Amino acid sequence: MIRLMIADDHAIVREGLKQLFALVADISVVGAAVNGGEVLEALHHNPVDLLLLDMTMPGISGVDLITRVKAQNPAQKILVLSMHNEAQIARRALAAGAAGYLTKDSDPEVLLAAIRKVAGGGRYIDASLAEAMVFDSPEIRQQAPHEQLSERELQILKLLVRGDSVNEIADALIISNKTVSTHKSRLMQKLNLGNNAELVRYGVEHALI
Protein backbone atom coordinates (compact mmCIF):
# COMPACT_ATOMS: atom_id res chain seq x y z
CA MET A 1 0.00 0.00 0.00
CA ILE A 2 1.35 3.42 -0.99
CA ARG A 3 0.85 5.93 1.84
CA LEU A 4 0.40 9.30 0.16
CA MET A 5 0.07 12.94 1.22
CA ILE A 6 -1.65 15.51 -1.01
CA ALA A 7 -0.28 19.05 -0.80
CA ASP A 8 -2.47 21.50 -2.69
CA ASP A 9 -4.19 24.69 -1.56
CA HIS A 10 -7.31 24.11 -3.69
CA ALA A 11 -9.98 22.07 -1.90
CA ILE A 12 -11.60 20.89 -5.14
CA VAL A 13 -8.27 19.45 -6.32
CA ARG A 14 -7.63 17.67 -3.01
CA GLU A 15 -11.12 16.17 -2.93
CA GLY A 16 -10.99 15.13 -6.57
CA LEU A 17 -7.69 13.35 -6.03
CA LYS A 18 -9.02 11.61 -2.93
CA GLN A 19 -11.98 10.31 -4.93
CA LEU A 20 -9.65 9.06 -7.66
CA PHE A 21 -7.39 7.24 -5.22
CA ALA A 22 -10.37 5.71 -3.43
CA LEU A 23 -11.04 3.75 -6.62
CA VAL A 24 -7.71 1.90 -6.49
CA ALA A 25 -6.57 -0.66 -3.96
CA ASP A 26 -2.89 0.21 -3.63
CA ILE A 27 -2.97 3.94 -2.77
CA SER A 28 -4.09 5.36 0.57
CA VAL A 29 -4.30 9.10 1.29
CA VAL A 30 -3.03 9.51 4.86
CA GLY A 31 -2.61 13.28 4.95
CA ALA A 32 -3.29 16.59 3.25
CA ALA A 33 -1.75 20.06 3.47
CA VAL A 34 -2.68 23.46 2.06
CA ASN A 35 0.64 25.30 2.48
CA GLY A 36 4.34 24.66 2.84
CA GLY A 37 4.37 25.00 6.61
CA GLU A 38 1.74 22.29 6.96
CA VAL A 39 3.70 20.02 4.63
CA LEU A 40 6.88 20.27 6.69
CA GLU A 41 5.05 19.86 9.99
CA ALA A 42 3.03 16.86 8.82
CA LEU A 43 6.00 15.07 7.27
CA HIS A 44 8.06 15.63 10.41
CA HIS A 45 5.51 13.74 12.50
CA ASN A 46 4.17 11.33 9.89
CA PRO A 47 6.50 10.42 7.01
CA VAL A 48 4.75 9.03 3.93
CA ASP A 49 5.76 6.91 0.96
CA LEU A 50 5.01 9.72 -1.47
CA LEU A 51 4.35 13.46 -1.31
CA LEU A 52 2.10 14.61 -4.18
CA LEU A 53 3.02 18.28 -4.34
CA ASP A 54 1.60 21.35 -6.04
CA MET A 55 4.32 23.83 -7.05
CA THR A 56 2.45 27.00 -6.11
CA MET A 57 0.97 27.28 -2.61
CA PRO A 58 0.82 30.00 0.05
CA GLY A 59 3.99 30.58 2.04
CA ILE A 60 6.91 28.27 1.31
CA SER A 61 6.36 26.57 -2.03
CA GLY A 62 7.96 25.37 -5.23
CA VAL A 63 11.66 24.65 -5.29
CA ASP A 64 12.13 26.19 -1.84
CA LEU A 65 9.68 23.71 -0.34
CA ILE A 66 11.12 20.72 -2.21
CA THR A 67 14.58 21.67 -0.94
CA ARG A 68 13.35 21.92 2.65
CA VAL A 69 11.47 18.62 2.48
CA LYS A 70 14.58 16.86 1.17
CA ALA A 71 16.76 18.51 3.82
CA GLN A 72 14.36 17.31 6.50
CA ASN A 73 14.19 13.78 5.02
CA PRO A 74 16.54 13.06 2.08
CA ALA A 75 14.71 9.79 1.38
CA GLN A 76 11.30 11.43 0.95
CA LYS A 77 9.88 10.71 -2.50
CA ILE A 78 8.20 13.70 -4.17
CA LEU A 79 5.99 13.78 -7.25
CA VAL A 80 5.02 17.26 -8.46
CA LEU A 81 1.51 17.75 -9.84
CA SER A 82 1.37 21.29 -11.16
CA MET A 83 -0.56 23.63 -13.41
CA HIS A 84 2.77 24.87 -14.79
CA ASN A 85 3.90 23.17 -17.99
CA GLU A 86 7.04 25.23 -18.57
CA ALA A 87 10.17 23.13 -19.05
CA GLN A 88 12.25 25.45 -16.88
CA ILE A 89 9.97 24.96 -13.86
CA ALA A 90 10.00 21.19 -14.25
CA ARG A 91 13.77 21.25 -14.60
CA ARG A 92 14.13 23.25 -11.38
CA ALA A 93 11.80 20.95 -9.46
CA LEU A 94 13.69 17.84 -10.54
CA ALA A 95 17.04 19.44 -9.78
CA ALA A 96 15.82 20.33 -6.28
CA GLY A 97 14.99 16.71 -5.53
CA ALA A 98 11.56 15.85 -6.95
CA ALA A 99 11.48 12.38 -8.53
CA GLY A 100 8.69 13.16 -10.97
CA TYR A 101 6.74 16.00 -12.57
CA LEU A 102 3.26 15.97 -14.10
CA THR A 103 0.85 18.69 -15.12
CA LYS A 104 -2.72 18.79 -13.86
CA ASP A 105 -4.11 18.13 -17.31
CA SER A 106 -2.57 14.63 -17.30
CA ASP A 107 -4.92 11.66 -17.62
CA PRO A 108 -5.78 9.94 -14.32
CA GLU A 109 -4.15 6.71 -15.48
CA VAL A 110 -0.93 8.60 -16.18
CA LEU A 111 -1.01 10.07 -12.67
CA LEU A 112 -1.57 6.65 -11.10
CA ALA A 113 1.28 5.18 -13.12
CA ALA A 114 3.57 8.03 -12.07
CA ILE A 115 2.68 7.59 -8.39
CA ARG A 116 3.42 3.86 -8.51
CA LYS A 117 6.72 4.36 -10.32
CA VAL A 118 8.00 7.13 -8.05
CA ALA A 119 6.83 5.35 -4.88
CA GLY A 120 8.73 2.31 -6.12
CA GLY A 121 11.96 4.29 -6.36
CA GLY A 122 11.78 5.31 -10.02
CA ARG A 123 11.45 8.65 -11.77
CA TYR A 124 8.63 9.88 -13.98
CA ILE A 125 8.00 12.80 -16.28
CA ASP A 126 5.31 13.23 -18.90
CA ALA A 127 6.66 12.42 -22.35
CA SER A 128 5.61 15.74 -23.93
CA LEU A 129 7.18 17.72 -21.10
CA ALA A 130 10.35 15.64 -21.29
CA GLU A 131 10.58 16.43 -25.00
CA ALA A 132 10.14 20.13 -24.28
CA MET A 133 12.88 19.97 -21.65
CA VAL A 134 15.28 18.32 -24.08
CA PHE A 135 14.71 20.81 -26.88
CA ASP A 136 14.50 23.75 -24.47
CA SER A 137 17.64 22.82 -22.56
CA PRO A 138 20.34 25.42 -21.84
CA GLU A 139 22.79 23.39 -23.91
CA ILE A 140 20.61 23.88 -27.00
CA ARG A 141 19.42 27.43 -26.66
CA GLN A 142 20.40 30.58 -24.84
CA GLN A 143 18.53 31.01 -21.59
CA ALA A 144 15.89 33.72 -21.35
CA PRO A 145 16.70 36.37 -18.71
CA HIS A 146 13.87 35.30 -16.38
CA GLU A 147 15.36 31.82 -16.09
CA GLN A 148 18.04 33.37 -13.88
CA LEU A 149 15.40 34.39 -11.33
CA SER A 150 14.85 32.54 -8.08
CA GLU A 151 11.71 30.44 -7.75
CA ARG A 152 10.03 33.12 -5.60
CA GLU A 153 11.04 35.92 -7.96
CA LEU A 154 9.62 34.01 -10.92
CA GLN A 155 6.40 33.37 -9.00
CA ILE A 156 6.04 37.07 -8.16
CA LEU A 157 6.90 38.08 -11.73
CA LYS A 158 4.03 35.98 -13.07
CA LEU A 159 1.59 37.46 -10.56
CA LEU A 160 2.70 41.00 -11.43
CA VAL A 161 2.31 40.26 -15.15
CA ARG A 162 -1.18 38.95 -14.39
CA GLY A 163 -2.00 42.34 -12.87
CA ASP A 164 -1.91 41.54 -9.15
CA SER A 165 -0.87 44.36 -6.84
CA VAL A 166 1.91 44.11 -4.26
CA ASN A 167 -0.73 43.87 -1.51
CA GLU A 168 -2.62 41.11 -3.34
CA ILE A 169 0.57 39.14 -3.88
CA ALA A 170 1.56 39.52 -0.23
CA ASP A 171 -1.84 38.21 0.87
CA ALA A 172 -1.75 35.30 -1.58
CA LEU A 173 1.77 34.18 -0.64
CA ILE A 174 1.42 34.98 3.08
CA ILE A 175 4.47 37.23 3.10
CA SER A 176 4.90 40.92 3.89
CA ASN A 177 4.41 43.77 1.43
CA LYS A 178 8.03 44.73 2.04
CA THR A 179 9.23 41.26 1.03
CA VAL A 180 7.17 41.39 -2.18
CA SER A 181 8.54 44.84 -2.99
CA THR A 182 12.09 43.65 -2.38
CA HIS A 183 11.63 40.67 -4.72
CA LYS A 184 10.02 42.96 -7.31
CA SER A 185 12.97 45.37 -7.20
CA ARG A 186 15.47 42.55 -7.55
CA LEU A 187 13.71 40.85 -10.45
CA MET A 188 13.27 44.12 -12.31
CA GLN A 189 16.96 44.82 -11.87
CA LYS A 190 17.90 41.33 -13.09
CA LEU A 191 15.63 41.72 -16.14
CA ASN A 192 16.75 45.31 -16.75
CA LEU A 193 13.17 46.60 -16.60
CA GLY A 194 12.43 50.21 -15.73
CA ASN A 195 8.72 50.23 -14.94
CA ASN A 196 5.55 48.14 -14.69
CA ALA A 197 4.69 48.61 -18.36
CA GLU A 198 8.01 47.10 -19.40
CA LEU A 199 7.48 44.28 -16.90
CA VAL A 200 4.08 43.41 -18.36
CA ARG A 201 5.43 43.64 -21.91
CA TYR A 202 8.26 41.27 -20.98
CA GLY A 203 5.81 38.82 -19.44
CA VAL A 204 3.58 38.80 -22.53
CA GLU A 205 6.54 38.39 -24.90
CA HIS A 206 7.81 35.39 -22.93
CA ALA A 207 4.39 33.77 -22.43
CA LEU A 208 4.42 34.22 -18.65
CA ILE A 209 0.71 35.03 -18.55
C-alpha atoms as a PDB file:
ATOM      1  CA  MET A   1       0.000   0.000   0.000  1.00  0.00           C
ATOM      2  CA  ILE A   2       1.355   3.418  -0.993  1.00  0.00           C
ATOM      3  CA  ARG A   3       0.848   5.929   1.836  1.00  0.00           C
ATOM      4  CA  LEU A   4       0.398   9.300   0.162  1.00  0.00           C
ATOM      5  CA  MET A   5       0.066  12.937   1.223  1.00  0.00           C
ATOM      6  CA  ILE A   6      -1.648  15.508  -1.013  1.00  0.00           C
ATOM      7  CA  ALA A   7      -0.275  19.047  -0.798  1.00  0.00           C
ATOM      8  CA  ASP A   8      -2.474  21.498  -2.693  1.00  0.00           C
ATOM      9  CA  ASP A   9      -4.193  24.690  -1.556  1.00  0.00           C
ATOM     10  CA  HIS A  10      -7.311  24.107  -3.694  1.00  0.00           C
ATOM     11  CA  ALA A  11      -9.978  22.066  -1.900  1.00  0.00           C
ATOM     12  CA  ILE A  12     -11.596  20.893  -5.136  1.00  0.00           C
ATOM     13  CA  VAL A  13      -8.266  19.451  -6.320  1.00  0.00           C
ATOM     14  CA  ARG A  14      -7.628  17.672  -3.015  1.00  0.00           C
ATOM     15  CA  GLU A  15     -11.121  16.167  -2.929  1.00  0.00           C
ATOM     16  CA  GLY A  16     -10.988  15.135  -6.570  1.00  0.00           C
ATOM     17  CA  LEU A  17      -7.693  13.351  -6.032  1.00  0.00           C
ATOM     18  CA  LYS A  18      -9.021  11.609  -2.930  1.00  0.00           C
ATOM     19  CA  GLN A  19     -11.978  10.310  -4.932  1.00  0.00           C
ATOM     20  CA  LEU A  20      -9.655   9.062  -7.661  1.00  0.00           C
ATOM     21  CA  PHE A  21      -7.386   7.237  -5.220  1.00  0.00           C
ATOM     22  CA  ALA A  22     -10.374   5.713  -3.426  1.00  0.00           C
ATOM     23  CA  LEU A  23     -11.041   3.749  -6.625  1.00  0.00           C
ATOM     24  CA  VAL A  24      -7.709   1.898  -6.493  1.00  0.00           C
ATOM     25  CA  ALA A  25      -6.573  -0.657  -3.957  1.00  0.00           C
ATOM     26  CA  ASP A  26      -2.894   0.209  -3.631  1.00  0.00           C
ATOM     27  CA  ILE A  27      -2.971   3.939  -2.768  1.00  0.00           C
ATOM     28  CA  SER A  28      -4.087   5.363   0.574  1.00  0.00           C
ATOM     29  CA  VAL A  29      -4.302   9.102   1.293  1.00  0.00           C
ATOM     30  CA  VAL A  30      -3.032   9.512   4.855  1.00  0.00           C
ATOM     31  CA  GLY A  31      -2.610  13.277   4.947  1.00  0.00           C
ATOM     32  CA  ALA A  32      -3.287  16.593   3.248  1.00  0.00           C
ATOM     33  CA  ALA A  33      -1.755  20.063   3.466  1.00  0.00           C
ATOM     34  CA  VAL A  34      -2.676  23.463   2.062  1.00  0.00           C
ATOM     35  CA  ASN A  35       0.635  25.303   2.481  1.00  0.00           C
ATOM     36  CA  GLY A  36       4.339  24.661   2.842  1.00  0.00           C
ATOM     37  CA  GLY A  37       4.371  24.996   6.612  1.00  0.00           C
ATOM     38  CA  GLU A  38       1.737  22.293   6.964  1.00  0.00           C
ATOM     39  CA  VAL A  39       3.696  20.019   4.631  1.00  0.00           C
ATOM     40  CA  LEU A  40       6.884  20.274   6.694  1.00  0.00           C
ATOM     41  CA  GLU A  41       5.052  19.859   9.989  1.00  0.00           C
ATOM     42  CA  ALA A  42       3.030  16.861   8.822  1.00  0.00           C
ATOM     43  CA  LEU A  43       5.996  15.068   7.272  1.00  0.00           C
ATOM     44  CA  HIS A  44       8.058  15.632  10.411  1.00  0.00           C
ATOM     45  CA  HIS A  45       5.508  13.736  12.501  1.00  0.00           C
ATOM     46  CA  ASN A  46       4.168  11.326   9.894  1.00  0.00           C
ATOM     47  CA  PRO A  47       6.504  10.418   7.006  1.00  0.00           C
ATOM     48  CA  VAL A  48       4.747   9.031   3.931  1.00  0.00           C
ATOM     49  CA  ASP A  49       5.757   6.906   0.960  1.00  0.00           C
ATOM     50  CA  LEU A  50       5.013   9.724  -1.472  1.00  0.00           C
ATOM     51  CA  LEU A  51       4.346  13.456  -1.309  1.00  0.00           C
ATOM     52  CA  LEU A  52       2.102  14.610  -4.180  1.00  0.00           C
ATOM     53  CA  LEU A  53       3.023  18.278  -4.339  1.00  0.00           C
ATOM     54  CA  ASP A  54       1.601  21.352  -6.038  1.00  0.00           C
ATOM     55  CA  MET A  55       4.316  23.830  -7.048  1.00  0.00           C
ATOM     56  CA  THR A  56       2.452  27.004  -6.108  1.00  0.00           C
ATOM     57  CA  MET A  57       0.974  27.278  -2.611  1.00  0.00           C
ATOM     58  CA  PRO A  58       0.816  30.001   0.053  1.00  0.00           C
ATOM     59  CA  GLY A  59       3.987  30.580   2.043  1.00  0.00           C
ATOM     60  CA  ILE A  60       6.911  28.272   1.310  1.00  0.00           C
ATOM     61  CA  SER A  61       6.364  26.574  -2.029  1.00  0.00           C
ATOM     62  CA  GLY A  62       7.958  25.368  -5.226  1.00  0.00           C
ATOM     63  CA  VAL A  63      11.664  24.646  -5.294  1.00  0.00           C
ATOM     64  CA  ASP A  64      12.135  26.193  -1.844  1.00  0.00           C
ATOM     65  CA  LEU A  65       9.675  23.714  -0.342  1.00  0.00           C
ATOM     66  CA  ILE A  66      11.123  20.721  -2.213  1.00  0.00           C
ATOM     67  CA  THR A  67      14.582  21.668  -0.944  1.00  0.00           C
ATOM     68  CA  ARG A  68      13.349  21.919   2.655  1.00  0.00           C
ATOM     69  CA  VAL A  69      11.473  18.625   2.484  1.00  0.00           C
ATOM     70  CA  LYS A  70      14.580  16.858   1.166  1.00  0.00           C
ATOM     71  CA  ALA A  71      16.762  18.508   3.815  1.00  0.00           C
ATOM     72  CA  GLN A  72      14.358  17.305   6.503  1.00  0.00           C
ATOM     73  CA  ASN A  73      14.188  13.784   5.024  1.00  0.00           C
ATOM     74  CA  PRO A  74      16.538  13.061   2.085  1.00  0.00           C
ATOM     75  CA  ALA A  75      14.710   9.790   1.377  1.00  0.00           C
ATOM     76  CA  GLN A  76      11.300  11.430   0.954  1.00  0.00           C
ATOM     77  CA  LYS A  77       9.876  10.706  -2.505  1.00  0.00           C
ATOM     78  CA  ILE A  78       8.203  13.704  -4.172  1.00  0.00           C
ATOM     79  CA  LEU A  79       5.991  13.783  -7.252  1.00  0.00           C
ATOM     80  CA  VAL A  80       5.025  17.261  -8.456  1.00  0.00           C
ATOM     81  CA  LEU A  81       1.509  17.745  -9.835  1.00  0.00           C
ATOM     82  CA  SER A  82       1.370  21.293 -11.159  1.00  0.00           C
ATOM     83  CA  MET A  83      -0.563  23.628 -13.411  1.00  0.00           C
ATOM     84  CA  HIS A  84       2.771  24.869 -14.791  1.00  0.00           C
ATOM     85  CA  ASN A  85       3.900  23.173 -17.987  1.00  0.00           C
ATOM     86  CA  GLU A  86       7.045  25.225 -18.567  1.00  0.00           C
ATOM     87  CA  ALA A  87      10.173  23.135 -19.051  1.00  0.00           C
ATOM     88  CA  GLN A  88      12.252  25.450 -16.884  1.00  0.00           C
ATOM     89  CA  ILE A  89       9.972  24.963 -13.865  1.00  0.00           C
ATOM     90  CA  ALA A  90       9.996  21.190 -14.247  1.00  0.00           C
ATOM     91  CA  ARG A  91      13.770  21.249 -14.597  1.00  0.00           C
ATOM     92  CA  ARG A  92      14.134  23.246 -11.377  1.00  0.00           C
ATOM     93  CA  ALA A  93      11.801  20.952  -9.465  1.00  0.00           C
ATOM     94  CA  LEU A  94      13.692  17.843 -10.543  1.00  0.00           C
ATOM     95  CA  ALA A  95      17.043  19.443  -9.783  1.00  0.00           C
ATOM     96  CA  ALA A  96      15.820  20.329  -6.277  1.00  0.00           C
ATOM     97  CA  GLY A  97      14.986  16.705  -5.530  1.00  0.00           C
ATOM     98  CA  ALA A  98      11.565  15.846  -6.955  1.00  0.00           C
ATOM     99  CA  ALA A  99      11.483  12.384  -8.533  1.00  0.00           C
ATOM    100  CA  GLY A 100       8.694  13.162 -10.968  1.00  0.00           C
ATOM    101  CA  TYR A 101       6.738  15.998 -12.574  1.00  0.00           C
ATOM    102  CA  LEU A 102       3.261  15.969 -14.100  1.00  0.00           C
ATOM    103  CA  THR A 103       0.848  18.686 -15.120  1.00  0.00           C
ATOM    104  CA  LYS A 104      -2.716  18.794 -13.860  1.00  0.00           C
ATOM    105  CA  ASP A 105      -4.113  18.127 -17.313  1.00  0.00           C
ATOM    106  CA  SER A 106      -2.570  14.630 -17.304  1.00  0.00           C
ATOM    107  CA  ASP A 107      -4.916  11.658 -17.615  1.00  0.00           C
ATOM    108  CA  PRO A 108      -5.785   9.938 -14.320  1.00  0.00           C
ATOM    109  CA  GLU A 109      -4.148   6.713 -15.476  1.00  0.00           C
ATOM    110  CA  VAL A 110      -0.931   8.595 -16.179  1.00  0.00           C
ATOM    111  CA  LEU A 111      -1.011  10.070 -12.668  1.00  0.00           C
ATOM    112  CA  LEU A 112      -1.574   6.650 -11.101  1.00  0.00           C
ATOM    113  CA  ALA A 113       1.285   5.179 -13.120  1.00  0.00           C
ATOM    114  CA  ALA A 114       3.573   8.026 -12.070  1.00  0.00           C
ATOM    115  CA  ILE A 115       2.675   7.588  -8.392  1.00  0.00           C
ATOM    116  CA  ARG A 116       3.416   3.863  -8.508  1.00  0.00           C
ATOM    117  CA  LYS A 117       6.715   4.362 -10.323  1.00  0.00           C
ATOM    118  CA  VAL A 118       8.002   7.130  -8.046  1.00  0.00           C
ATOM    119  CA  ALA A 119       6.830   5.349  -4.884  1.00  0.00           C
ATOM    120  CA  GLY A 120       8.730   2.314  -6.115  1.00  0.00           C
ATOM    121  CA  GLY A 121      11.959   4.285  -6.357  1.00  0.00           C
ATOM    122  CA  GLY A 122      11.777   5.309 -10.017  1.00  0.00           C
ATOM    123  CA  ARG A 123      11.446   8.647 -11.771  1.00  0.00           C
ATOM    124  CA  TYR A 124       8.635   9.879 -13.977  1.00  0.00           C
ATOM    125  CA  ILE A 125       7.996  12.802 -16.275  1.00  0.00           C
ATOM    126  CA  ASP A 126       5.309  13.229 -18.895  1.00  0.00           C
ATOM    127  CA  ALA A 127       6.656  12.423 -22.351  1.00  0.00           C
ATOM    128  CA  SER A 128       5.606  15.737 -23.930  1.00  0.00           C
ATOM    129  CA  LEU A 129       7.177  17.717 -21.102  1.00  0.00           C
ATOM    130  CA  ALA A 130      10.349  15.638 -21.286  1.00  0.00           C
ATOM    131  CA  GLU A 131      10.579  16.427 -25.000  1.00  0.00           C
ATOM    132  CA  ALA A 132      10.137  20.133 -24.284  1.00  0.00           C
ATOM    133  CA  MET A 133      12.883  19.966 -21.649  1.00  0.00           C
ATOM    134  CA  VAL A 134      15.284  18.323 -24.080  1.00  0.00           C
ATOM    135  CA  PHE A 135      14.705  20.813 -26.876  1.00  0.00           C
ATOM    136  CA  ASP A 136      14.496  23.754 -24.466  1.00  0.00           C
ATOM    137  CA  SER A 137      17.637  22.819 -22.559  1.00  0.00           C
ATOM    138  CA  PRO A 138      20.341  25.417 -21.839  1.00  0.00           C
ATOM    139  CA  GLU A 139      22.785  23.386 -23.915  1.00  0.00           C
ATOM    140  CA  ILE A 140      20.611  23.883 -27.001  1.00  0.00           C
ATOM    141  CA  ARG A 141      19.420  27.433 -26.657  1.00  0.00           C
ATOM    142  CA  GLN A 142      20.404  30.583 -24.841  1.00  0.00           C
ATOM    143  CA  GLN A 143      18.531  31.007 -21.589  1.00  0.00           C
ATOM    144  CA  ALA A 144      15.891  33.722 -21.345  1.00  0.00           C
ATOM    145  CA  PRO A 145      16.701  36.371 -18.709  1.00  0.00           C
ATOM    146  CA  HIS A 146      13.865  35.298 -16.381  1.00  0.00           C
ATOM    147  CA  GLU A 147      15.360  31.824 -16.089  1.00  0.00           C
ATOM    148  CA  GLN A 148      18.041  33.370 -13.882  1.00  0.00           C
ATOM    149  CA  LEU A 149      15.404  34.393 -11.326  1.00  0.00           C
ATOM    150  CA  SER A 150      14.853  32.544  -8.077  1.00  0.00           C
ATOM    151  CA  GLU A 151      11.706  30.442  -7.747  1.00  0.00           C
ATOM    152  CA  ARG A 152      10.026  33.118  -5.598  1.00  0.00           C
ATOM    153  CA  GLU A 153      11.042  35.921  -7.963  1.00  0.00           C
ATOM    154  CA  LEU A 154       9.620  34.013 -10.923  1.00  0.00           C
ATOM    155  CA  GLN A 155       6.400  33.369  -9.003  1.00  0.00           C
ATOM    156  CA  ILE A 156       6.040  37.066  -8.162  1.00  0.00           C
ATOM    157  CA  LEU A 157       6.896  38.084 -11.730  1.00  0.00           C
ATOM    158  CA  LYS A 158       4.028  35.977 -13.074  1.00  0.00           C
ATOM    159  CA  LEU A 159       1.593  37.462 -10.562  1.00  0.00           C
ATOM    160  CA  LEU A 160       2.698  40.998 -11.432  1.00  0.00           C
ATOM    161  CA  VAL A 161       2.312  40.265 -15.148  1.00  0.00           C
ATOM    162  CA  ARG A 162      -1.184  38.954 -14.390  1.00  0.00           C
ATOM    163  CA  GLY A 163      -2.002  42.336 -12.870  1.00  0.00           C
ATOM    164  CA  ASP A 164      -1.914  41.538  -9.153  1.00  0.00           C
ATOM    165  CA  SER A 165      -0.875  44.363  -6.843  1.00  0.00           C
ATOM    166  CA  VAL A 166       1.906  44.114  -4.260  1.00  0.00           C
ATOM    167  CA  ASN A 167      -0.731  43.869  -1.513  1.00  0.00           C
ATOM    168  CA  GLU A 168      -2.621  41.107  -3.337  1.00  0.00           C
ATOM    169  CA  ILE A 169       0.570  39.137  -3.880  1.00  0.00           C
ATOM    170  CA  ALA A 170       1.559  39.521  -0.229  1.00  0.00           C
ATOM    171  CA  ASP A 171      -1.843  38.214   0.865  1.00  0.00           C
ATOM    172  CA  ALA A 172      -1.748  35.297  -1.583  1.00  0.00           C
ATOM    173  CA  LEU A 173       1.770  34.180  -0.642  1.00  0.00           C
ATOM    174  CA  ILE A 174       1.421  34.980   3.075  1.00  0.00           C
ATOM    175  CA  ILE A 175       4.472  37.226   3.095  1.00  0.00           C
ATOM    176  CA  SER A 176       4.905  40.920   3.889  1.00  0.00           C
ATOM    177  CA  ASN A 177       4.409  43.774   1.427  1.00  0.00           C
ATOM    178  CA  LYS A 178       8.029  44.728   2.042  1.00  0.00           C
ATOM    179  CA  THR A 179       9.226  41.260   1.026  1.00  0.00           C
ATOM    180  CA  VAL A 180       7.172  41.389  -2.182  1.00  0.00           C
ATOM    181  CA  SER A 181       8.535  44.838  -2.988  1.00  0.00           C
ATOM    182  CA  THR A 182      12.095  43.647  -2.379  1.00  0.00           C
ATOM    183  CA  HIS A 183      11.625  40.674  -4.718  1.00  0.00           C
ATOM    184  CA  LYS A 184      10.023  42.961  -7.305  1.00  0.00           C
ATOM    185  CA  SER A 185      12.969  45.374  -7.205  1.00  0.00           C
ATOM    186  CA  ARG A 186      15.473  42.546  -7.553  1.00  0.00           C
ATOM    187  CA  LEU A 187      13.710  40.852 -10.446  1.00  0.00           C
ATOM    188  CA  MET A 188      13.265  44.117 -12.313  1.00  0.00           C
ATOM    189  CA  GLN A 189      16.957  44.823 -11.871  1.00  0.00           C
ATOM    190  CA  LYS A 190      17.901  41.330 -13.089  1.00  0.00           C
ATOM    191  CA  LEU A 191      15.632  41.720 -16.139  1.00  0.00           C
ATOM    192  CA  ASN A 192      16.752  45.314 -16.746  1.00  0.00           C
ATOM    193  CA  LEU A 193      13.171  46.605 -16.598  1.00  0.00           C
ATOM    194  CA  GLY A 194      12.425  50.207 -15.733  1.00  0.00           C
ATOM    195  CA  ASN A 195       8.716  50.234 -14.937  1.00  0.00           C
ATOM    196  CA  ASN A 196       5.545  48.143 -14.691  1.00  0.00           C
ATOM    197  CA  ALA A 197       4.690  48.612 -18.360  1.00  0.00           C
ATOM    198  CA  GLU A 198       8.013  47.096 -19.396  1.00  0.00           C
ATOM    199  CA  LEU A 199       7.477  44.278 -16.903  1.00  0.00           C
ATOM    200  CA  VAL A 200       4.078  43.411 -18.365  1.00  0.00           C
ATOM    201  CA  ARG A 201       5.428  43.638 -21.913  1.00  0.00           C
ATOM    202  CA  TYR A 202       8.260  41.267 -20.985  1.00  0.00           C
ATOM    203  CA  GLY A 203       5.808  38.817 -19.443  1.00  0.00           C
ATOM    204  CA  VAL A 204       3.581  38.798 -22.529  1.00  0.00           C
ATOM    205  CA  GLU A 205       6.537  38.394 -24.904  1.00  0.00           C
ATOM    206  CA  HIS A 206       7.810  35.392 -22.929  1.00  0.00           C
ATOM    207  CA  ALA A 207       4.394  33.768 -22.432  1.00  0.00           C
ATOM    208  CA  LEU A 208       4.420  34.216 -18.649  1.00  0.00           C
ATOM    209  CA  ILE A 209       0.713  35.030 -18.554  1.00  0.00           C
END
